[in-house]
Amino acid sequence: MIKMSCTIYFKGKLNVGISEKDVLGIIERHLQGINAKLAQSNNPIIIEFLQGQSEPLVFQFINNKIDGLCKWSGEEPEEFYAILDLFIDLKPLF
């Protein structure tokens, strides 16, 4: 099996009327398709991947802004696509 890795840089400010709770709702819905768990559900929101060499995905909000990165490493292409789908679904909130 081929091992894949990816670094995703993300930066943005929540749109007016959108809260961290809205972000958390999308994240919780997507966790069903990712081999990960929600390690912390309030600021910061932390997702821990359960396999591979991946670092936690951290959404730290400062003045409704986020600026971070996600380093993912795994063997399942489906998980890679699921992580990208998470970011695609989060994009309209920013």
N, C-alpha and C. Protein backbone atom coordinates (compact mmCIF):
# COMPACT_ATOMS: atom_id res chain seq x y z
N MET A 1 0.83 -1.17 0.00
CA MET A 1 0.00 0.00 0.00
C MET A 1 0.89 1.24 0.00
N ILE A 2 0.46 2.26 -0.69
CA ILE A 2 1.19 3.51 -0.79
C ILE A 2 0.83 4.41 0.38
N LYS A 3 1.84 4.99 0.99
CA LYS A 3 1.60 5.95 2.07
C LYS A 3 1.50 7.35 1.45
N MET A 4 0.47 8.09 1.86
CA MET A 4 0.24 9.43 1.35
C MET A 4 0.44 10.45 2.47
N SER A 5 0.83 11.66 2.09
CA SER A 5 0.89 12.74 3.07
C SER A 5 0.46 14.03 2.40
N CYS A 6 0.01 14.96 3.23
CA CYS A 6 -0.52 16.21 2.72
C CYS A 6 -0.40 17.26 3.82
N THR A 7 -0.09 18.48 3.42
CA THR A 7 -0.13 19.60 4.33
C THR A 7 -1.14 20.59 3.79
N ILE A 8 -2.11 20.95 4.62
CA ILE A 8 -3.14 21.91 4.23
C ILE A 8 -2.96 23.15 5.10
N TYR A 9 -2.75 24.28 4.47
CA TYR A 9 -2.68 25.55 5.17
C TYR A 9 -4.05 26.21 5.09
N PHE A 10 -4.51 26.74 6.20
CA PHE A 10 -5.82 27.39 6.20
C PHE A 10 -5.76 28.69 6.99
N LYS A 11 -6.54 29.66 6.51
CA LYS A 11 -6.57 30.97 7.12
C LYS A 11 -7.90 31.61 6.75
N GLY A 12 -8.56 32.24 7.70
CA GLY A 12 -9.81 32.91 7.38
C GLY A 12 -10.45 33.55 8.60
N LYS A 13 -11.49 34.32 8.33
CA LYS A 13 -12.27 34.97 9.38
C LYS A 13 -13.72 34.55 9.20
N LEU A 14 -14.36 34.16 10.32
CA LEU A 14 -15.75 33.75 10.26
C LEU A 14 -16.62 34.87 9.70
N ASN A 15 -17.56 34.52 8.85
CA ASN A 15 -18.52 35.49 8.33
C ASN A 15 -19.41 35.99 9.46
N VAL A 16 -19.98 37.17 9.29
CA VAL A 16 -20.89 37.75 10.27
C VAL A 16 -22.06 36.78 10.48
N GLY A 17 -22.41 36.54 11.73
CA GLY A 17 -23.51 35.66 12.07
C GLY A 17 -23.13 34.19 12.18
N ILE A 18 -21.88 33.86 11.90
CA ILE A 18 -21.39 32.48 12.01
C ILE A 18 -20.57 32.37 13.30
N SER A 19 -20.72 31.25 13.99
CA SER A 19 -20.00 31.07 15.25
C SER A 19 -19.13 29.81 15.20
N GLU A 20 -18.31 29.66 16.22
CA GLU A 20 -17.50 28.46 16.35
C GLU A 20 -18.38 27.22 16.44
N LYS A 21 -19.57 27.38 17.01
CA LYS A 21 -20.51 26.26 17.13
C LYS A 21 -20.93 25.76 15.74
N ASP A 22 -21.07 26.66 14.77
CA ASP A 22 -21.39 26.27 13.39
C ASP A 22 -20.24 25.45 12.79
N VAL A 23 -19.02 25.87 13.06
CA VAL A 23 -17.84 25.14 12.59
C VAL A 23 -17.82 23.75 13.22
N LEU A 24 -18.05 23.69 14.53
CA LEU A 24 -18.05 22.42 15.25
C LEU A 24 -19.09 21.45 14.68
N GLY A 25 -20.27 21.96 14.31
CA GLY A 25 -21.31 21.11 13.75
C GLY A 25 -20.86 20.43 12.47
N ILE A 26 -20.19 21.17 11.60
CA ILE A 26 -19.69 20.59 10.35
C ILE A 26 -18.59 19.57 10.65
N ILE A 27 -17.70 19.91 11.57
CA ILE A 27 -16.61 18.99 11.93
C ILE A 27 -17.18 17.69 12.48
N GLU A 28 -18.14 17.77 13.39
CA GLU A 28 -18.71 16.55 13.97
C GLU A 28 -19.36 15.67 12.90
N ARG A 29 -20.01 16.29 11.95
CA ARG A 29 -20.64 15.53 10.86
C ARG A 29 -19.59 14.81 10.02
N HIS A 30 -18.46 15.45 9.79
CA HIS A 30 -17.40 14.86 8.96
C HIS A 30 -16.56 13.82 9.68
N LEU A 31 -16.53 13.85 10.99
CA LEU A 31 -15.71 12.88 11.73
C LEU A 31 -16.16 11.45 11.49
N GLN A 32 -17.40 11.27 11.08
CA GLN A 32 -17.90 9.92 10.80
C GLN A 32 -17.14 9.28 9.64
N GLY A 33 -16.60 10.09 8.72
CA GLY A 33 -15.90 9.56 7.56
C GLY A 33 -14.39 9.59 7.68
N ILE A 34 -13.89 10.01 8.84
CA ILE A 34 -12.46 10.12 9.05
C ILE A 34 -12.09 9.27 10.26
N ASN A 35 -10.95 8.61 10.21
CA ASN A 35 -10.48 7.82 11.33
C ASN A 35 -9.83 8.78 12.35
N ALA A 36 -10.71 9.53 13.04
CA ALA A 36 -10.25 10.56 13.97
C ALA A 36 -11.28 10.74 15.07
N LYS A 37 -10.87 11.48 16.11
CA LYS A 37 -11.81 11.77 17.19
C LYS A 37 -11.68 13.24 17.57
N LEU A 38 -12.76 13.75 18.12
CA LEU A 38 -12.77 15.12 18.61
C LEU A 38 -12.14 15.12 20.00
N ALA A 39 -10.95 15.70 20.11
CA ALA A 39 -10.23 15.71 21.38
C ALA A 39 -10.65 16.89 22.26
N GLN A 40 -11.11 17.96 21.61
CA GLN A 40 -11.57 19.14 22.35
C GLN A 40 -12.59 19.84 21.48
N SER A 41 -13.71 20.24 22.08
CA SER A 41 -14.79 20.80 21.28
C SER A 41 -15.01 22.30 21.48
N ASN A 42 -14.19 22.92 22.32
CA ASN A 42 -14.29 24.37 22.44
C ASN A 42 -12.94 24.98 22.10
N ASN A 43 -12.90 26.28 21.96
CA ASN A 43 -11.72 26.95 21.44
C ASN A 43 -10.47 26.61 22.23
N PRO A 44 -9.51 25.95 21.60
CA PRO A 44 -9.49 25.50 20.21
C PRO A 44 -10.24 24.18 20.02
N ILE A 45 -10.73 24.00 18.81
CA ILE A 45 -11.32 22.71 18.42
C ILE A 45 -10.15 21.85 17.94
N ILE A 46 -10.02 20.65 18.53
CA ILE A 46 -8.88 19.79 18.20
C ILE A 46 -9.38 18.43 17.73
N ILE A 47 -8.89 18.02 16.57
CA ILE A 47 -9.19 16.70 16.01
C ILE A 47 -7.90 15.89 16.03
N GLU A 48 -7.95 14.71 16.64
CA GLU A 48 -6.80 13.81 16.66
C GLU A 48 -7.04 12.67 15.69
N PHE A 49 -6.09 12.45 14.77
CA PHE A 49 -6.16 11.33 13.84
C PHE A 49 -5.70 10.08 14.56
N LEU A 50 -6.35 8.96 14.29
CA LEU A 50 -6.12 7.75 15.07
C LEU A 50 -5.11 6.79 14.47
N GLN A 51 -4.60 7.10 13.29
CA GLN A 51 -3.58 6.22 12.70
C GLN A 51 -2.58 7.06 11.96
N GLY A 52 -1.46 6.47 11.59
CA GLY A 52 -0.46 7.19 10.82
C GLY A 52 0.34 8.17 11.67
N GLN A 53 1.02 9.05 10.99
CA GLN A 53 1.92 10.00 11.63
C GLN A 53 1.35 11.41 11.65
N SER A 54 0.05 11.55 11.56
CA SER A 54 -0.59 12.85 11.43
C SER A 54 -0.57 13.62 12.74
N GLU A 55 -0.39 14.93 12.60
CA GLU A 55 -0.49 15.83 13.74
C GLU A 55 -1.96 16.16 13.95
N PRO A 56 -2.34 16.58 15.15
CA PRO A 56 -3.73 16.98 15.37
C PRO A 56 -4.10 18.17 14.47
N LEU A 57 -5.35 18.24 14.10
CA LEU A 57 -5.90 19.36 13.35
C LEU A 57 -6.49 20.31 14.38
N VAL A 58 -5.97 21.53 14.46
CA VAL A 58 -6.37 22.49 15.49
C VAL A 58 -6.97 23.73 14.84
N PHE A 59 -8.20 24.05 15.25
CA PHE A 59 -8.85 25.29 14.84
C PHE A 59 -8.84 26.22 16.04
N GLN A 60 -7.85 27.10 16.11
CA GLN A 60 -7.71 28.07 17.20
C GLN A 60 -8.29 29.39 16.72
N PHE A 61 -9.36 29.84 17.37
CA PHE A 61 -10.02 31.08 16.99
C PHE A 61 -9.52 32.24 17.85
N ILE A 62 -9.04 33.28 17.19
CA ILE A 62 -8.65 34.52 17.84
C ILE A 62 -9.36 35.63 17.09
N ASN A 63 -10.28 36.32 17.77
CA ASN A 63 -11.10 37.36 17.14
C ASN A 63 -11.82 36.82 15.90
N ASN A 64 -12.37 35.61 16.02
CA ASN A 64 -13.10 34.94 14.94
C ASN A 64 -12.23 34.60 13.73
N LYS A 65 -10.92 34.60 13.91
CA LYS A 65 -9.99 34.28 12.83
C LYS A 65 -9.25 32.99 13.16
N ILE A 66 -8.92 32.24 12.10
CA ILE A 66 -8.06 31.07 12.24
C ILE A 66 -6.89 31.20 11.28
N ASP A 67 -5.79 30.59 11.65
CA ASP A 67 -4.59 30.59 10.83
C ASP A 67 -3.76 29.40 11.28
N GLY A 68 -3.74 28.36 10.46
CA GLY A 68 -3.02 27.16 10.89
C GLY A 68 -2.70 26.24 9.75
N LEU A 69 -2.31 25.03 10.11
CA LEU A 69 -2.02 24.02 9.11
C LEU A 69 -2.33 22.65 9.66
N CYS A 70 -2.53 21.73 8.75
CA CYS A 70 -2.82 20.34 9.08
C CYS A 70 -1.83 19.48 8.31
N LYS A 71 -1.06 18.67 9.03
CA LYS A 71 -0.15 17.72 8.39
C LYS A 71 -0.74 16.34 8.57
N TRP A 72 -1.21 15.76 7.48
CA TRP A 72 -1.85 14.46 7.52
C TRP A 72 -0.97 13.45 6.80
N SER A 73 -0.87 12.26 7.37
CA SER A 73 -0.11 11.17 6.76
C SER A 73 -0.86 9.88 7.04
N GLY A 74 -1.18 9.16 5.99
CA GLY A 74 -1.92 7.92 6.18
C GLY A 74 -1.85 7.03 4.95
N GLU A 75 -2.59 5.93 5.00
CA GLU A 75 -2.57 4.96 3.92
C GLU A 75 -3.88 4.88 3.15
N GLU A 76 -4.93 5.49 3.67
CA GLU A 76 -6.25 5.38 3.05
C GLU A 76 -6.58 6.63 2.24
N PRO A 77 -6.62 6.52 0.92
CA PRO A 77 -6.97 7.69 0.11
C PRO A 77 -8.34 8.25 0.45
N GLU A 78 -9.26 7.40 0.88
CA GLU A 78 -10.60 7.87 1.23
C GLU A 78 -10.56 8.87 2.39
N GLU A 79 -9.66 8.63 3.35
CA GLU A 79 -9.53 9.56 4.46
C GLU A 79 -8.98 10.90 3.98
N PHE A 80 -8.03 10.87 3.07
CA PHE A 80 -7.47 12.08 2.48
C PHE A 80 -8.58 12.91 1.84
N TYR A 81 -9.44 12.26 1.06
CA TYR A 81 -10.54 12.96 0.41
C TYR A 81 -11.56 13.46 1.43
N ALA A 82 -11.77 12.71 2.49
CA ALA A 82 -12.72 13.12 3.54
C ALA A 82 -12.23 14.39 4.23
N ILE A 83 -10.93 14.51 4.46
CA ILE A 83 -10.37 15.71 5.07
C ILE A 83 -10.54 16.91 4.15
N LEU A 84 -10.28 16.70 2.87
CA LEU A 84 -10.50 17.79 1.90
C LEU A 84 -11.97 18.19 1.85
N ASP A 85 -12.86 17.21 1.90
CA ASP A 85 -14.30 17.52 1.91
C ASP A 85 -14.68 18.35 3.14
N LEU A 86 -14.06 18.06 4.28
CA LEU A 86 -14.30 18.85 5.49
C LEU A 86 -13.97 20.32 5.24
N PHE A 87 -12.80 20.58 4.68
CA PHE A 87 -12.41 21.96 4.42
C PHE A 87 -13.30 22.61 3.37
N ILE A 88 -13.73 21.87 2.37
CA ILE A 88 -14.63 22.40 1.35
C ILE A 88 -15.95 22.81 1.99
N ASP A 89 -16.47 22.00 2.92
CA ASP A 89 -17.72 22.34 3.59
C ASP A 89 -17.57 23.50 4.58
N LEU A 90 -16.38 23.67 5.15
CA LEU A 90 -16.15 24.76 6.08
C LEU A 90 -15.94 26.10 5.36
N LYS A 91 -15.47 26.07 4.13
CA LYS A 91 -15.11 27.31 3.41
C LYS A 91 -16.23 28.36 3.39
N PRO A 92 -17.51 28.01 3.15
CA PRO A 92 -18.56 29.05 3.10
C PRO A 92 -18.76 29.78 4.44
N LEU A 93 -18.27 29.22 5.55
CA LEU A 93 -18.44 29.88 6.84
C LEU A 93 -17.45 31.03 7.04
N PHE A 94 -16.46 31.10 6.15
CA PHE A 94 -15.39 32.11 6.29
C PHE A 94 -15.43 33.10 5.15
